[in-house]
Amino acid sequence: MVEGYAKHFKLEIPLGDLHAQANEWSVTRGARSGRVAWQFVQDLAGRLGHKLGE
């Protein structure tokens, strides 16, 4: 799911890093769901300096 979001929003991050960070995010939040994936992508975009509305 996070791969689809990253591709759609053109977030430039190596696939291995994306998966590792997404897994860590889900473990620390205690859930794996579409909502958690979306929250992760929003946070990732912010850390990368990328606005999702663009």
N, C-alpha and C. Protein backbone atom coordinates (compact mmCIF):
# COMPACT_ATOMS: atom_id res chain seq x y z
N MET A 1 0.82 -1.19 0.00
CA MET A 1 0.00 0.00 0.00
C MET A 1 0.87 1.26 0.00
N VAL A 2 1.92 1.27 0.84
CA VAL A 2 2.77 2.46 0.89
C VAL A 2 3.53 2.65 -0.43
N GLU A 3 3.82 1.57 -1.13
CA GLU A 3 4.48 1.70 -2.44
C GLU A 3 3.57 2.46 -3.40
N GLY A 4 2.30 2.13 -3.39
CA GLY A 4 1.34 2.81 -4.25
C GLY A 4 1.24 4.29 -3.94
N TYR A 5 1.17 4.62 -2.66
CA TYR A 5 1.13 6.02 -2.25
C TYR A 5 2.41 6.74 -2.68
N ALA A 6 3.55 6.12 -2.42
CA ALA A 6 4.83 6.75 -2.75
C ALA A 6 4.94 7.00 -4.25
N LYS A 7 4.51 6.03 -5.03
CA LYS A 7 4.55 6.19 -6.49
C LYS A 7 3.59 7.29 -6.94
N HIS A 8 2.38 7.27 -6.40
CA HIS A 8 1.37 8.25 -6.79
C HIS A 8 1.82 9.69 -6.50
N PHE A 9 2.42 9.87 -5.33
CA PHE A 9 2.85 11.21 -4.92
C PHE A 9 4.29 11.52 -5.30
N LYS A 10 4.92 10.61 -6.03
CA LYS A 10 6.28 10.80 -6.53
C LYS A 10 7.27 11.10 -5.40
N LEU A 11 7.18 10.31 -4.33
CA LEU A 11 8.11 10.44 -3.21
C LEU A 11 9.38 9.69 -3.57
N GLU A 12 10.48 10.38 -3.58
CA GLU A 12 11.75 9.78 -3.98
C GLU A 12 12.44 9.18 -2.76
N ILE A 13 12.34 7.85 -2.63
CA ILE A 13 12.95 7.13 -1.54
C ILE A 13 13.22 5.71 -2.03
N PRO A 14 14.38 5.17 -1.73
CA PRO A 14 14.67 3.79 -2.15
C PRO A 14 13.63 2.83 -1.57
N LEU A 15 13.24 1.84 -2.35
CA LEU A 15 12.19 0.91 -1.95
C LEU A 15 12.51 0.21 -0.64
N GLY A 16 13.75 -0.19 -0.44
CA GLY A 16 14.13 -0.84 0.81
C GLY A 16 13.95 0.07 2.00
N ASP A 17 14.31 1.33 1.85
CA ASP A 17 14.13 2.32 2.93
C ASP A 17 12.65 2.55 3.20
N LEU A 18 11.87 2.62 2.14
CA LEU A 18 10.42 2.82 2.29
C LEU A 18 9.82 1.69 3.12
N HIS A 19 10.15 0.46 2.77
CA HIS A 19 9.60 -0.69 3.50
C HIS A 19 10.07 -0.71 4.95
N ALA A 20 11.35 -0.46 5.17
CA ALA A 20 11.89 -0.49 6.54
C ALA A 20 11.22 0.57 7.41
N GLN A 21 11.08 1.77 6.87
CA GLN A 21 10.48 2.85 7.65
C GLN A 21 8.99 2.60 7.88
N ALA A 22 8.30 2.07 6.86
CA ALA A 22 6.87 1.77 7.01
C ALA A 22 6.65 0.68 8.04
N ASN A 23 7.51 -0.35 8.04
CA ASN A 23 7.38 -1.42 9.03
C ASN A 23 7.62 -0.89 10.43
N GLU A 24 8.66 -0.07 10.60
CA GLU A 24 8.94 0.51 11.92
C GLU A 24 7.76 1.35 12.38
N TRP A 25 7.22 2.15 11.47
CA TRP A 25 6.08 3.01 11.79
C TRP A 25 4.90 2.18 12.28
N SER A 26 4.58 1.10 11.57
CA SER A 26 3.42 0.29 11.95
C SER A 26 3.65 -0.43 13.28
N VAL A 27 4.87 -0.89 13.54
CA VAL A 27 5.17 -1.59 14.79
C VAL A 27 5.06 -0.62 15.97
N THR A 28 5.57 0.58 15.81
CA THR A 28 5.54 1.54 16.93
C THR A 28 4.13 2.08 17.18
N ARG A 29 3.25 1.93 16.20
CA ARG A 29 1.87 2.37 16.40
C ARG A 29 0.94 1.20 16.74
N GLY A 30 1.45 0.00 16.66
CA GLY A 30 0.69 -1.18 17.06
C GLY A 30 -0.41 -1.58 16.09
N ALA A 31 -0.30 -1.16 14.83
CA ALA A 31 -1.35 -1.50 13.87
C ALA A 31 -0.80 -1.50 12.45
N ARG A 32 -1.44 -2.29 11.62
CA ARG A 32 -1.15 -2.29 10.18
C ARG A 32 -2.49 -2.15 9.47
N SER A 33 -2.71 -0.99 8.91
CA SER A 33 -3.98 -0.73 8.23
C SER A 33 -3.77 0.34 7.17
N GLY A 34 -4.78 0.55 6.39
CA GLY A 34 -4.73 1.61 5.38
C GLY A 34 -4.57 2.97 6.01
N ARG A 35 -5.22 3.16 7.15
CA ARG A 35 -5.11 4.45 7.83
C ARG A 35 -3.68 4.68 8.32
N VAL A 36 -3.06 3.66 8.89
CA VAL A 36 -1.68 3.78 9.37
C VAL A 36 -0.74 4.02 8.19
N ALA A 37 -0.99 3.34 7.06
CA ALA A 37 -0.17 3.55 5.86
C ALA A 37 -0.28 5.00 5.40
N TRP A 38 -1.48 5.53 5.39
CA TRP A 38 -1.70 6.91 4.96
C TRP A 38 -1.00 7.90 5.91
N GLN A 39 -1.11 7.65 7.21
CA GLN A 39 -0.44 8.51 8.18
C GLN A 39 1.08 8.47 8.00
N PHE A 40 1.60 7.28 7.72
CA PHE A 40 3.03 7.15 7.47
C PHE A 40 3.44 7.96 6.24
N VAL A 41 2.67 7.86 5.17
CA VAL A 41 3.01 8.57 3.93
C VAL A 41 2.94 10.08 4.15
N GLN A 42 1.98 10.53 4.91
CA GLN A 42 1.91 11.96 5.21
C GLN A 42 3.15 12.41 5.97
N ASP A 43 3.56 11.64 6.96
CA ASP A 43 4.75 11.96 7.73
C ASP A 43 6.00 11.91 6.85
N LEU A 44 6.11 10.88 6.05
CA LEU A 44 7.26 10.72 5.15
C LEU A 44 7.37 11.90 4.19
N ALA A 45 6.25 12.28 3.60
CA ALA A 45 6.26 13.41 2.67
C ALA A 45 6.74 14.67 3.37
N GLY A 46 6.29 14.89 4.59
CA GLY A 46 6.74 16.05 5.35
C GLY A 46 8.24 16.02 5.61
N ARG A 47 8.74 14.83 5.99
CA ARG A 47 10.19 14.71 6.24
C ARG A 47 10.99 14.90 4.97
N LEU A 48 10.42 14.55 3.82
CA LEU A 48 11.11 14.73 2.54
C LEU A 48 10.91 16.13 1.97
N GLY A 49 10.08 16.95 2.62
CA GLY A 49 9.82 18.29 2.14
C GLY A 49 8.93 18.31 0.91
N HIS A 50 8.05 17.32 0.80
CA HIS A 50 7.18 17.17 -0.37
C HIS A 50 5.73 17.41 0.04
N LYS A 51 5.05 18.34 -0.61
CA LYS A 51 3.65 18.58 -0.32
C LYS A 51 2.80 17.60 -1.10
N LEU A 52 1.84 16.94 -0.44
CA LEU A 52 1.05 15.91 -1.09
C LEU A 52 0.04 16.48 -2.07
N GLY A 53 -0.34 17.72 -1.94
CA GLY A 53 -1.31 18.32 -2.83
C GLY A 53 -0.77 18.73 -4.19
N GLU A 54 0.53 18.55 -4.38
CA GLU A 54 1.14 19.01 -5.64
C GLU A 54 0.98 18.01 -6.74
